[in-house]
Amino acid sequence: MSATVTALDRPAAGLQSWIGPAIGSCCYEVGSEVAEKVAEASGRQVIVRGGGQRPHLDLILAAELQLASLGLESIQTLRVCTRCSSEWLWSYRREGAGVGRNLAFAWRTEISDVVERGESDRFPRT
């Protein structure tokens, strides 16, 4: 995430991020080596200990903490577990290799470009 934020060449405080849906800590069981690597980058609070022997990870929290440490102030999350939400999301962990893919669209718009094209009325100012 650090490389992406740096490549945007903008002050991080002015960026916005949206995270999720993703597999939830309820379902994302990993080995201790993976858990430690993610905790090194994000913080120990991303490791969730459940009833089993293996740790679970909160990936949304991990991404949120990493982005906040980079200076982002506007971070929105959608805490919906892709594995638990079979009625409207696919999950590799639930369905295996033949599963469909969840898609996201992201774009970056310079307000000056929007104004120049005469489309500023599409983006009301608050």
N, C-alpha and C. Protein backbone atom coordinates (compact mmCIF):
# COMPACT_ATOMS: atom_id res chain seq x y z
N MET A 1 0.81 -1.18 0.00
CA MET A 1 0.00 0.00 0.00
C MET A 1 0.86 1.25 0.00
N SER A 2 1.97 1.17 0.67
CA SER A 2 2.88 2.31 0.71
C SER A 2 3.32 2.72 -0.69
N ALA A 3 3.65 1.75 -1.53
CA ALA A 3 4.09 2.05 -2.89
C ALA A 3 2.98 2.72 -3.69
N THR A 4 1.74 2.28 -3.50
CA THR A 4 0.62 2.87 -4.21
C THR A 4 0.38 4.31 -3.78
N VAL A 5 0.36 4.54 -2.48
CA VAL A 5 0.14 5.90 -1.98
C VAL A 5 1.27 6.82 -2.45
N THR A 6 2.50 6.35 -2.42
CA THR A 6 3.63 7.15 -2.88
C THR A 6 3.52 7.44 -4.37
N ALA A 7 3.13 6.45 -5.17
CA ALA A 7 3.02 6.62 -6.62
C ALA A 7 1.94 7.62 -7.01
N LEU A 8 0.95 7.83 -6.16
CA LEU A 8 -0.11 8.79 -6.48
C LEU A 8 0.39 10.23 -6.46
N ASP A 9 1.51 10.46 -5.80
CA ASP A 9 2.15 11.77 -5.78
C ASP A 9 1.20 12.88 -5.34
N ARG A 10 0.44 12.60 -4.30
CA ARG A 10 -0.49 13.56 -3.70
C ARG A 10 -0.33 13.48 -2.19
N PRO A 11 -0.67 14.56 -1.48
CA PRO A 11 -0.65 14.46 -0.01
C PRO A 11 -1.64 13.38 0.46
N ALA A 12 -1.17 12.47 1.27
CA ALA A 12 -1.99 11.35 1.71
C ALA A 12 -3.25 11.81 2.44
N ALA A 13 -3.16 12.91 3.16
CA ALA A 13 -4.32 13.39 3.92
C ALA A 13 -5.49 13.75 3.01
N GLY A 14 -5.23 14.05 1.74
CA GLY A 14 -6.29 14.40 0.81
C GLY A 14 -6.85 13.22 0.03
N LEU A 15 -6.31 12.04 0.24
CA LEU A 15 -6.78 10.85 -0.47
C LEU A 15 -7.95 10.21 0.26
N GLN A 16 -8.74 9.47 -0.48
CA GLN A 16 -9.84 8.71 0.09
C GLN A 16 -9.64 7.24 -0.23
N SER A 17 -10.03 6.36 0.66
CA SER A 17 -9.95 4.93 0.38
C SER A 17 -11.23 4.25 0.82
N TRP A 18 -11.54 3.18 0.11
CA TRP A 18 -12.67 2.33 0.43
C TRP A 18 -12.14 0.91 0.50
N ILE A 19 -12.42 0.23 1.58
CA ILE A 19 -11.91 -1.12 1.80
C ILE A 19 -13.09 -2.07 2.01
N GLY A 20 -13.07 -3.18 1.31
CA GLY A 20 -14.07 -4.22 1.50
C GLY A 20 -15.04 -4.28 0.34
N PRO A 21 -15.81 -5.33 0.30
CA PRO A 21 -15.80 -6.45 1.23
C PRO A 21 -14.55 -7.31 1.05
N ALA A 22 -14.27 -8.11 2.05
CA ALA A 22 -13.13 -9.02 2.05
C ALA A 22 -13.46 -10.18 2.99
N ILE A 23 -12.68 -11.22 2.91
CA ILE A 23 -12.89 -12.31 3.85
C ILE A 23 -12.69 -11.76 5.27
N GLY A 24 -13.56 -12.12 6.17
CA GLY A 24 -13.53 -11.57 7.52
C GLY A 24 -12.64 -12.36 8.46
N SER A 25 -12.35 -11.77 9.58
CA SER A 25 -11.54 -12.45 10.59
C SER A 25 -12.25 -13.70 11.11
N CYS A 26 -13.55 -13.77 10.93
CA CYS A 26 -14.31 -14.95 11.31
C CYS A 26 -13.89 -16.17 10.50
N CYS A 27 -13.39 -15.95 9.29
CA CYS A 27 -13.12 -17.04 8.35
C CYS A 27 -11.69 -17.12 7.84
N TYR A 28 -10.88 -16.08 8.06
CA TYR A 28 -9.56 -16.06 7.45
C TYR A 28 -8.51 -16.63 8.39
N GLU A 29 -8.43 -17.95 8.39
CA GLU A 29 -7.48 -18.68 9.21
C GLU A 29 -6.17 -18.81 8.44
N VAL A 30 -5.06 -18.52 9.09
CA VAL A 30 -3.74 -18.55 8.45
C VAL A 30 -2.73 -19.23 9.38
N GLY A 31 -1.56 -19.48 8.84
CA GLY A 31 -0.47 -19.99 9.66
C GLY A 31 0.14 -18.87 10.48
N SER A 32 0.86 -19.23 11.52
CA SER A 32 1.45 -18.21 12.41
C SER A 32 2.47 -17.35 11.68
N GLU A 33 3.18 -17.91 10.67
CA GLU A 33 4.16 -17.12 9.93
C GLU A 33 3.49 -15.99 9.16
N VAL A 34 2.36 -16.29 8.52
CA VAL A 34 1.61 -15.28 7.77
C VAL A 34 1.06 -14.23 8.73
N ALA A 35 0.49 -14.68 9.83
CA ALA A 35 -0.06 -13.75 10.82
C ALA A 35 1.01 -12.79 11.32
N GLU A 36 2.20 -13.28 11.58
CA GLU A 36 3.28 -12.42 12.08
C GLU A 36 3.72 -11.40 11.04
N LYS A 37 3.79 -11.80 9.78
CA LYS A 37 4.18 -10.87 8.71
C LYS A 37 3.17 -9.73 8.59
N VAL A 38 1.89 -10.07 8.61
CA VAL A 38 0.85 -9.03 8.51
C VAL A 38 0.87 -8.15 9.75
N ALA A 39 1.09 -8.73 10.91
CA ALA A 39 1.15 -7.95 12.15
C ALA A 39 2.35 -6.99 12.14
N GLU A 40 3.46 -7.40 11.57
CA GLU A 40 4.63 -6.51 11.45
C GLU A 40 4.30 -5.27 10.65
N ALA A 41 3.50 -5.43 9.60
CA ALA A 41 3.15 -4.31 8.73
C ALA A 41 1.99 -3.48 9.26
N SER A 42 1.15 -4.07 10.13
CA SER A 42 -0.09 -3.41 10.51
C SER A 42 -0.26 -3.18 12.00
N GLY A 43 0.16 -4.12 12.81
CA GLY A 43 -0.05 -4.05 14.26
C GLY A 43 -0.61 -5.37 14.75
N ARG A 44 -0.32 -5.70 15.98
CA ARG A 44 -0.72 -7.00 16.53
C ARG A 44 -2.24 -7.16 16.64
N GLN A 45 -2.96 -6.05 16.68
CA GLN A 45 -4.41 -6.15 16.84
C GLN A 45 -5.11 -6.78 15.64
N VAL A 46 -4.41 -6.99 14.53
CA VAL A 46 -5.02 -7.64 13.37
C VAL A 46 -5.07 -9.16 13.52
N ILE A 47 -4.35 -9.69 14.50
CA ILE A 47 -4.40 -11.13 14.77
C ILE A 47 -5.53 -11.41 15.73
N VAL A 48 -6.43 -12.28 15.31
CA VAL A 48 -7.60 -12.64 16.11
C VAL A 48 -7.43 -14.09 16.54
N ARG A 49 -7.46 -14.31 17.83
CA ARG A 49 -7.37 -15.68 18.36
C ARG A 49 -8.77 -16.20 18.62
N GLY A 50 -9.08 -17.31 17.99
CA GLY A 50 -10.39 -17.92 18.18
C GLY A 50 -10.27 -19.19 18.98
N GLY A 51 -11.23 -20.05 18.83
CA GLY A 51 -11.22 -21.31 19.55
C GLY A 51 -10.24 -22.33 19.00
N GLY A 52 -9.84 -22.15 17.74
CA GLY A 52 -8.92 -23.09 17.12
C GLY A 52 -7.47 -22.79 17.47
N GLN A 53 -6.59 -23.62 16.95
CA GLN A 53 -5.17 -23.46 17.23
C GLN A 53 -4.51 -22.41 16.33
N ARG A 54 -5.05 -22.23 15.13
CA ARG A 54 -4.43 -21.30 14.18
C ARG A 54 -5.02 -19.90 14.32
N PRO A 55 -4.21 -18.88 14.09
CA PRO A 55 -4.71 -17.51 14.19
C PRO A 55 -5.58 -17.14 12.98
N HIS A 56 -6.43 -16.18 13.19
CA HIS A 56 -7.22 -15.58 12.12
C HIS A 56 -6.73 -14.15 11.95
N LEU A 57 -6.91 -13.60 10.73
CA LEU A 57 -6.49 -12.23 10.45
C LEU A 57 -7.68 -11.36 10.10
N ASP A 58 -7.63 -10.13 10.56
CA ASP A 58 -8.60 -9.11 10.17
C ASP A 58 -7.94 -8.27 9.08
N LEU A 59 -8.17 -8.65 7.82
CA LEU A 59 -7.52 -7.98 6.69
C LEU A 59 -8.01 -6.55 6.50
N ILE A 60 -9.28 -6.31 6.77
CA ILE A 60 -9.79 -4.94 6.62
C ILE A 60 -9.12 -4.03 7.63
N LEU A 61 -9.00 -4.47 8.87
CA LEU A 61 -8.31 -3.67 9.88
C LEU A 61 -6.84 -3.47 9.50
N ALA A 62 -6.20 -4.52 8.97
CA ALA A 62 -4.80 -4.42 8.56
C ALA A 62 -4.64 -3.33 7.50
N ALA A 63 -5.49 -3.32 6.50
CA ALA A 63 -5.41 -2.30 5.45
C ALA A 63 -5.70 -0.91 6.02
N GLU A 64 -6.71 -0.83 6.88
CA GLU A 64 -7.07 0.45 7.49
C GLU A 64 -5.92 1.02 8.30
N LEU A 65 -5.28 0.19 9.11
CA LEU A 65 -4.16 0.66 9.93
C LEU A 65 -2.96 1.08 9.08
N GLN A 66 -2.68 0.32 8.02
CA GLN A 66 -1.57 0.68 7.14
C GLN A 66 -1.83 2.01 6.44
N LEU A 67 -3.04 2.20 5.94
CA LEU A 67 -3.37 3.45 5.26
C LEU A 67 -3.33 4.63 6.22
N ALA A 68 -3.84 4.44 7.42
CA ALA A 68 -3.81 5.51 8.42
C ALA A 68 -2.36 5.88 8.77
N SER A 69 -1.50 4.88 8.85
CA SER A 69 -0.09 5.16 9.18
C SER A 69 0.60 5.92 8.05
N LEU A 70 0.06 5.83 6.84
CA LEU A 70 0.61 6.57 5.70
C LEU A 70 0.06 7.99 5.62
N GLY A 71 -0.92 8.30 6.49
CA GLY A 71 -1.46 9.66 6.53
C GLY A 71 -2.85 9.83 5.96
N LEU A 72 -3.48 8.77 5.49
CA LEU A 72 -4.84 8.91 4.98
C LEU A 72 -5.79 9.19 6.13
N GLU A 73 -6.70 10.10 5.91
CA GLU A 73 -7.67 10.47 6.95
C GLU A 73 -9.07 10.00 6.61
N SER A 74 -9.36 9.80 5.33
CA SER A 74 -10.69 9.37 4.90
C SER A 74 -10.63 7.91 4.46
N ILE A 75 -10.95 7.03 5.38
CA ILE A 75 -10.91 5.59 5.12
C ILE A 75 -12.28 5.02 5.44
N GLN A 76 -12.97 4.53 4.42
CA GLN A 76 -14.29 3.93 4.59
C GLN A 76 -14.15 2.42 4.50
N THR A 77 -14.86 1.70 5.35
CA THR A 77 -14.80 0.24 5.30
C THR A 77 -16.19 -0.35 5.17
N LEU A 78 -16.24 -1.47 4.48
CA LEU A 78 -17.47 -2.26 4.36
C LEU A 78 -17.14 -3.63 4.91
N ARG A 79 -17.51 -3.85 6.16
CA ARG A 79 -17.15 -5.09 6.86
C ARG A 79 -18.17 -6.17 6.56
N VAL A 80 -18.05 -6.70 5.35
CA VAL A 80 -18.88 -7.82 4.92
C VAL A 80 -17.92 -8.94 4.55
N CYS A 81 -18.10 -10.10 5.15
CA CYS A 81 -17.23 -11.24 4.89
C CYS A 81 -17.64 -11.92 3.59
N THR A 82 -16.70 -12.00 2.65
CA THR A 82 -17.01 -12.64 1.36
C THR A 82 -17.31 -14.13 1.51
N ARG A 83 -16.72 -14.76 2.49
CA ARG A 83 -16.98 -16.20 2.69
C ARG A 83 -18.36 -16.44 3.32
N CYS A 84 -18.77 -15.59 4.23
CA CYS A 84 -20.06 -15.75 4.90
C CYS A 84 -21.24 -15.29 4.04
N SER A 85 -21.00 -14.39 3.12
CA SER A 85 -22.08 -13.76 2.34
C SER A 85 -22.28 -14.46 1.00
N SER A 86 -22.65 -15.73 1.04
CA SER A 86 -22.77 -16.53 -0.17
C SER A 86 -23.90 -16.07 -1.09
N GLU A 87 -24.87 -15.36 -0.55
CA GLU A 87 -26.00 -14.93 -1.38
C GLU A 87 -25.64 -13.84 -2.38
N TRP A 88 -24.53 -13.10 -2.14
CA TRP A 88 -24.20 -12.04 -3.10
C TRP A 88 -22.72 -11.83 -3.36
N LEU A 89 -21.85 -12.65 -2.78
CA LEU A 89 -20.41 -12.53 -3.05
C LEU A 89 -19.80 -13.91 -3.26
N TRP A 90 -18.80 -13.98 -4.13
CA TRP A 90 -18.04 -15.21 -4.33
C TRP A 90 -16.91 -15.27 -3.33
N SER A 91 -16.45 -16.48 -3.05
CA SER A 91 -15.33 -16.67 -2.14
C SER A 91 -14.53 -17.89 -2.54
N TYR A 92 -13.25 -17.70 -2.80
CA TYR A 92 -12.36 -18.81 -3.11
C TYR A 92 -12.30 -19.79 -1.93
N ARG A 93 -12.24 -19.24 -0.73
CA ARG A 93 -12.15 -20.11 0.46
C ARG A 93 -13.43 -20.93 0.66
N ARG A 94 -14.55 -20.44 0.20
CA ARG A 94 -15.81 -21.16 0.37
C ARG A 94 -16.06 -22.13 -0.80
N GLU A 95 -15.76 -21.69 -2.02
CA GLU A 95 -16.17 -22.44 -3.21
C GLU A 95 -15.04 -23.10 -3.99
N GLY A 96 -13.80 -22.72 -3.74
CA GLY A 96 -12.69 -23.33 -4.45
C GLY A 96 -12.31 -22.63 -5.73
N ALA A 97 -11.46 -23.29 -6.50
CA ALA A 97 -10.82 -22.66 -7.67
C ALA A 97 -11.79 -22.27 -8.78
N GLY A 98 -12.93 -22.91 -8.92
CA GLY A 98 -13.85 -22.61 -10.00
C GLY A 98 -14.78 -21.44 -9.74
N VAL A 99 -14.53 -20.70 -8.71
CA VAL A 99 -15.42 -19.62 -8.29
C VAL A 99 -15.32 -18.41 -9.21
N GLY A 100 -16.37 -17.61 -9.24
CA GLY A 100 -16.35 -16.34 -9.97
C GLY A 100 -15.46 -15.34 -9.26
N ARG A 101 -15.39 -14.15 -9.75
CA ARG A 101 -14.53 -13.11 -9.16
C ARG A 101 -15.37 -11.90 -8.77
N ASN A 102 -15.04 -11.31 -7.63
CA ASN A 102 -15.64 -10.05 -7.22
C ASN A 102 -14.86 -8.94 -7.91
N LEU A 103 -15.53 -7.93 -8.36
CA LEU A 103 -14.90 -6.85 -9.10
C LEU A 103 -15.04 -5.52 -8.38
N ALA A 104 -14.12 -4.65 -8.63
CA ALA A 104 -14.19 -3.28 -8.10
C ALA A 104 -13.73 -2.33 -9.21
N PHE A 105 -14.24 -1.15 -9.17
CA PHE A 105 -13.82 -0.12 -10.11
C PHE A 105 -13.24 1.03 -9.31
N ALA A 106 -12.12 1.52 -9.75
CA ALA A 106 -11.48 2.65 -9.08
C ALA A 106 -11.00 3.62 -10.14
N TRP A 107 -11.07 4.88 -9.82
CA TRP A 107 -10.58 5.88 -10.75
C TRP A 107 -10.13 7.10 -9.99
N ARG A 108 -9.38 7.92 -10.70
CA ARG A 108 -8.87 9.15 -10.13
C ARG A 108 -9.25 10.29 -11.07
N THR A 109 -9.92 11.28 -10.55
CA THR A 109 -10.36 12.42 -11.34
C THR A 109 -9.77 13.69 -10.77
N GLU A 110 -9.13 14.42 -11.62
CA GLU A 110 -8.64 15.75 -11.23
C GLU A 110 -9.79 16.72 -11.41
N ILE A 111 -10.12 17.47 -10.40
CA ILE A 111 -11.24 18.40 -10.49
C ILE A 111 -11.02 19.42 -11.60
N SER A 112 -9.76 19.80 -11.85
CA SER A 112 -9.48 20.75 -12.93
C SER A 112 -9.86 20.16 -14.29
N ASP A 113 -9.65 18.86 -14.49
CA ASP A 113 -10.04 18.20 -15.74
C ASP A 113 -11.55 18.19 -15.90
N VAL A 114 -12.26 17.96 -14.81
CA VAL A 114 -13.72 17.93 -14.84
C VAL A 114 -14.26 19.31 -15.21
N VAL A 115 -13.71 20.35 -14.62
CA VAL A 115 -14.14 21.72 -14.91
C VAL A 115 -13.85 22.06 -16.36
N GLU A 116 -12.67 21.69 -16.84
CA GLU A 116 -12.28 21.98 -18.21
C GLU A 116 -13.23 21.33 -19.22
N ARG A 117 -13.71 20.14 -18.92
CA ARG A 117 -14.64 19.45 -19.81
C ARG A 117 -16.07 19.96 -19.64
N GLY A 118 -16.30 20.87 -18.73
CA GLY A 118 -17.64 21.41 -18.51
C GLY A 118 -18.57 20.47 -17.78
N GLU A 119 -18.01 19.57 -16.98
CA GLU A 119 -18.81 18.58 -16.27
C GLU A 119 -18.86 18.83 -14.77
N SER A 120 -18.52 20.04 -14.34
CA SER A 120 -18.44 20.28 -12.90
C SER A 120 -19.79 20.17 -12.20
N ASP A 121 -20.89 20.30 -12.95
CA ASP A 121 -22.21 20.17 -12.33
C ASP A 121 -22.48 18.72 -11.90
N ARG A 122 -21.72 17.77 -12.41
CA ARG A 122 -21.86 16.38 -12.00
C ARG A 122 -21.31 16.12 -10.62
N PHE A 123 -20.48 17.05 -10.12
CA PHE A 123 -19.83 16.88 -8.83
C PHE A 123 -20.16 18.07 -7.95
N PRO A 124 -21.36 18.05 -7.35
CA PRO A 124 -21.75 19.21 -6.54
C PRO A 124 -20.81 19.41 -5.36
N ARG A 125 -20.54 20.64 -5.07
CA ARG A 125 -19.67 20.97 -3.93
C ARG A 125 -20.54 21.08 -2.68
N THR A 126 -19.99 20.61 -1.59
CA THR A 126 -20.75 20.65 -0.33
C THR A 126 -20.15 21.67 0.58
